[in-house]
Protein backbone atom coordinates (compact mmCIF):
# COMPACT_ATOMS: atom_id res chain seq x y z
CA MET A 1 56.91 193.26 -101.93
CA SER A 2 56.11 193.32 -98.21
CA PHE A 3 58.14 195.25 -95.67
CA ASP A 4 59.31 192.05 -93.93
CA ARG A 5 60.58 190.51 -97.16
CA ALA A 6 62.26 193.75 -98.28
CA TYR A 7 63.83 194.23 -94.83
CA LYS A 8 65.33 190.70 -94.83
CA SER A 9 66.72 191.26 -98.32
CA PHE A 10 68.11 194.68 -97.28
CA ILE A 11 69.95 193.22 -94.27
CA LYS A 12 71.20 190.19 -96.21
CA SER A 13 72.59 192.43 -98.95
CA HIS A 14 74.49 194.61 -96.47
CA LEU A 15 75.90 191.55 -94.69
CA ARG A 16 77.27 190.26 -98.01
CA HIS A 17 79.11 193.53 -98.69
CA ARG A 18 80.58 194.20 -95.25
CA ASN A 19 83.37 192.83 -93.11
CA GLY A 20 84.95 193.37 -89.70
CA ALA A 21 83.26 195.74 -87.28
CA ARG A 22 80.95 197.00 -90.02
CA LYS A 23 79.57 193.50 -90.56
CA ALA A 24 79.40 192.72 -86.83
CA ARG A 25 77.17 195.75 -86.23
CA ILE A 26 74.68 194.47 -88.80
CA GLU A 27 74.96 190.84 -87.64
CA SER A 28 74.06 191.86 -84.10
CA GLY A 29 70.84 193.25 -85.56
CA LEU A 30 69.50 196.72 -85.95
CA HIS A 31 68.19 198.16 -82.71
CA HIS A 32 64.46 198.47 -82.19
CA ALA A 33 64.46 202.20 -83.04
CA GLU A 34 66.36 201.73 -86.29
CA LYS A 35 64.07 198.96 -87.51
CA MET A 36 61.06 201.03 -86.48
CA LEU A 37 62.34 203.96 -88.58
CA LEU A 38 62.54 201.66 -91.59
CA GLU A 39 59.08 200.21 -91.00
CA ASN A 40 57.18 203.33 -89.88
CA VAL A 41 58.97 206.05 -91.83
CA TRP A 42 61.17 204.98 -94.74
CA TRP A 43 59.14 202.07 -96.15
CA PRO A 44 55.76 203.88 -96.25
CA ALA A 45 57.42 206.90 -97.89
CA PHE A 46 59.56 205.13 -100.50
CA HIS A 47 58.64 201.39 -100.64
CA GLN A 48 62.29 200.36 -101.14
CA PHE A 49 65.72 200.73 -99.53
CA ASP A 50 67.90 201.66 -102.52
CA SER A 51 70.95 203.78 -101.63
CA LEU A 52 70.21 203.46 -97.90
CA TYR A 53 72.99 202.07 -95.68
CA PRO A 54 72.46 200.94 -92.07
CA GLU A 55 75.18 201.48 -89.47
CA TYR A 56 77.26 203.42 -91.98
CA GLU A 57 80.89 203.77 -90.95
CA VAL A 58 82.67 207.14 -91.15
CA GLN A 59 86.19 207.96 -90.08
CA ASP A 60 86.47 210.76 -87.54
CA PHE A 61 89.13 213.46 -87.39
CA LYS A 62 91.18 211.40 -84.90
CA GLY A 63 91.40 208.41 -87.25
CA GLY A 64 88.76 206.45 -85.33
CA TYR A 65 85.43 205.23 -86.62
CA ARG A 66 81.89 206.27 -85.88
CA TYR A 67 78.61 204.91 -87.14
CA ILE A 68 75.60 206.70 -88.58
CA ASP A 69 72.26 204.96 -87.96
CA PHE A 70 71.42 205.30 -91.68
CA ALA A 71 73.19 206.96 -94.57
CA TYR A 72 71.35 207.79 -97.78
CA ILE A 73 73.99 208.28 -100.43
CA GLN A 74 73.66 209.71 -103.90
CA GLN A 75 76.42 210.87 -106.22
CA GLN A 76 75.71 214.55 -105.50
CA PHE A 77 74.92 214.39 -101.75
CA ARG A 78 74.93 212.34 -98.53
CA VAL A 79 72.30 212.36 -95.80
CA ALA A 80 72.88 211.03 -92.29
CA ILE A 81 69.72 209.91 -90.50
CA GLU A 82 69.91 209.46 -86.74
CA ILE A 83 67.33 208.25 -84.23
CA ASP A 84 67.78 209.49 -80.69
CA GLY A 85 66.09 208.18 -77.61
CA ILE A 86 66.35 209.99 -74.31
CA GLY A 87 67.78 206.93 -72.59
CA PRO A 88 70.68 205.90 -74.79
CA HIS A 89 71.70 209.38 -75.88
CA LEU A 90 71.22 211.68 -72.92
CA LYS A 91 70.66 209.90 -69.61
CA GLY A 92 73.70 209.36 -67.48
CA ILE A 93 76.31 210.67 -69.90
CA SER A 94 79.22 212.76 -68.79
CA GLN A 95 79.86 216.32 -69.94
CA SER A 96 82.71 214.97 -72.08
CA GLN A 97 80.42 212.42 -73.77
CA PHE A 98 77.77 215.08 -74.30
CA SER A 99 80.34 217.37 -75.93
CA ASP A 100 81.67 214.51 -78.09
CA HIS A 101 78.13 213.80 -79.30
CA TYR A 102 77.87 217.31 -80.75
CA GLN A 103 81.43 217.37 -82.08
CA ARG A 104 80.59 214.18 -84.01
CA GLN A 105 77.68 215.96 -85.68
CA ASN A 106 79.77 219.06 -86.38
CA HIS A 107 82.40 216.95 -88.13
CA LEU A 108 79.76 215.31 -90.32
CA VAL A 109 78.52 218.76 -91.35
CA ILE A 110 82.07 219.94 -92.05
CA ASP A 111 82.57 216.82 -94.20
CA GLY A 112 79.52 217.78 -96.28
CA TRP A 113 76.81 215.60 -94.78
CA HIS A 114 73.20 216.73 -94.47
CA ILE A 115 71.87 215.50 -91.12
CA LEU A 116 68.35 214.63 -90.07
CA ARG A 117 67.74 213.71 -86.44
CA PHE A 118 64.54 212.13 -85.21
CA THR A 119 63.42 211.29 -81.72
CA TYR A 120 62.30 207.79 -80.91
CA SER A 121 58.95 209.26 -79.92
CA ASP A 122 58.45 210.92 -83.32
CA VAL A 123 59.41 207.76 -85.21
CA ARG A 124 56.94 205.79 -83.12
CA HIS A 125 54.05 208.21 -82.71
CA ARG A 126 54.46 210.76 -85.51
CA PRO A 127 56.05 208.92 -88.43
CA ARG A 128 54.37 211.11 -91.04
CA ILE A 129 56.28 214.16 -89.76
CA CYS A 130 59.53 212.21 -90.14
CA GLN A 131 58.55 211.12 -93.67
CA GLN A 132 57.80 214.71 -94.61
CA ASN A 133 61.16 215.92 -93.28
CA ILE A 134 63.04 213.31 -95.32
CA GLN A 135 60.97 213.95 -98.44
CA GLN A 136 61.41 217.73 -98.12
CA LEU A 137 65.18 217.45 -97.76
CA LEU A 138 65.55 214.96 -100.62
CA GLY A 139 63.27 217.09 -102.80
CA ARG A 140 65.39 220.15 -102.07
CA LEU A 141 68.64 218.29 -102.74
CA THR A 142 67.42 216.72 -106.00
CA GLY A 143 65.46 219.76 -107.16
CA SER A 144 62.36 217.61 -107.45
CA SER A 145 58.93 217.90 -105.88
CA THR A 146 58.62 214.11 -105.98
CA VAL A 147 61.39 211.87 -104.77
CA SER A 148 61.40 208.18 -105.66
CA CYS A 149 64.81 207.34 -104.18
CA LYS A 150 65.63 205.03 -107.09
CA ARG A 151 69.23 204.57 -108.15
């Protein structure tokens, strides 16, 4: 199956199983960086999207909701994958927003998430490094030297 066909099926499947704000985030379309991660990093490494969830909703400690760019969920572990560009994540934010950004990550760690963060530049220009990071973490978590990411 081609990336384009698999991607359309992946999005369609998540739209069928979501509602409210969760569905609206997918309906508005994945941002350029998120789609690029799927096309440049995830697809070449695994050739499928099983157990991968875009715009995954988590409840924060205040009872609000936050979204992870991608969550890879298995019975024994959860991995949050985030793509950060300089513009949307760091330029022009207040000290309070900057602090909140790191508190969000700390709360994910406290809740048992493994977190991988990639820069937009790495996803675009050095996708193999990103693939290796994901494969190394999943290999460590599954105890396998080869990770197929099948359910």
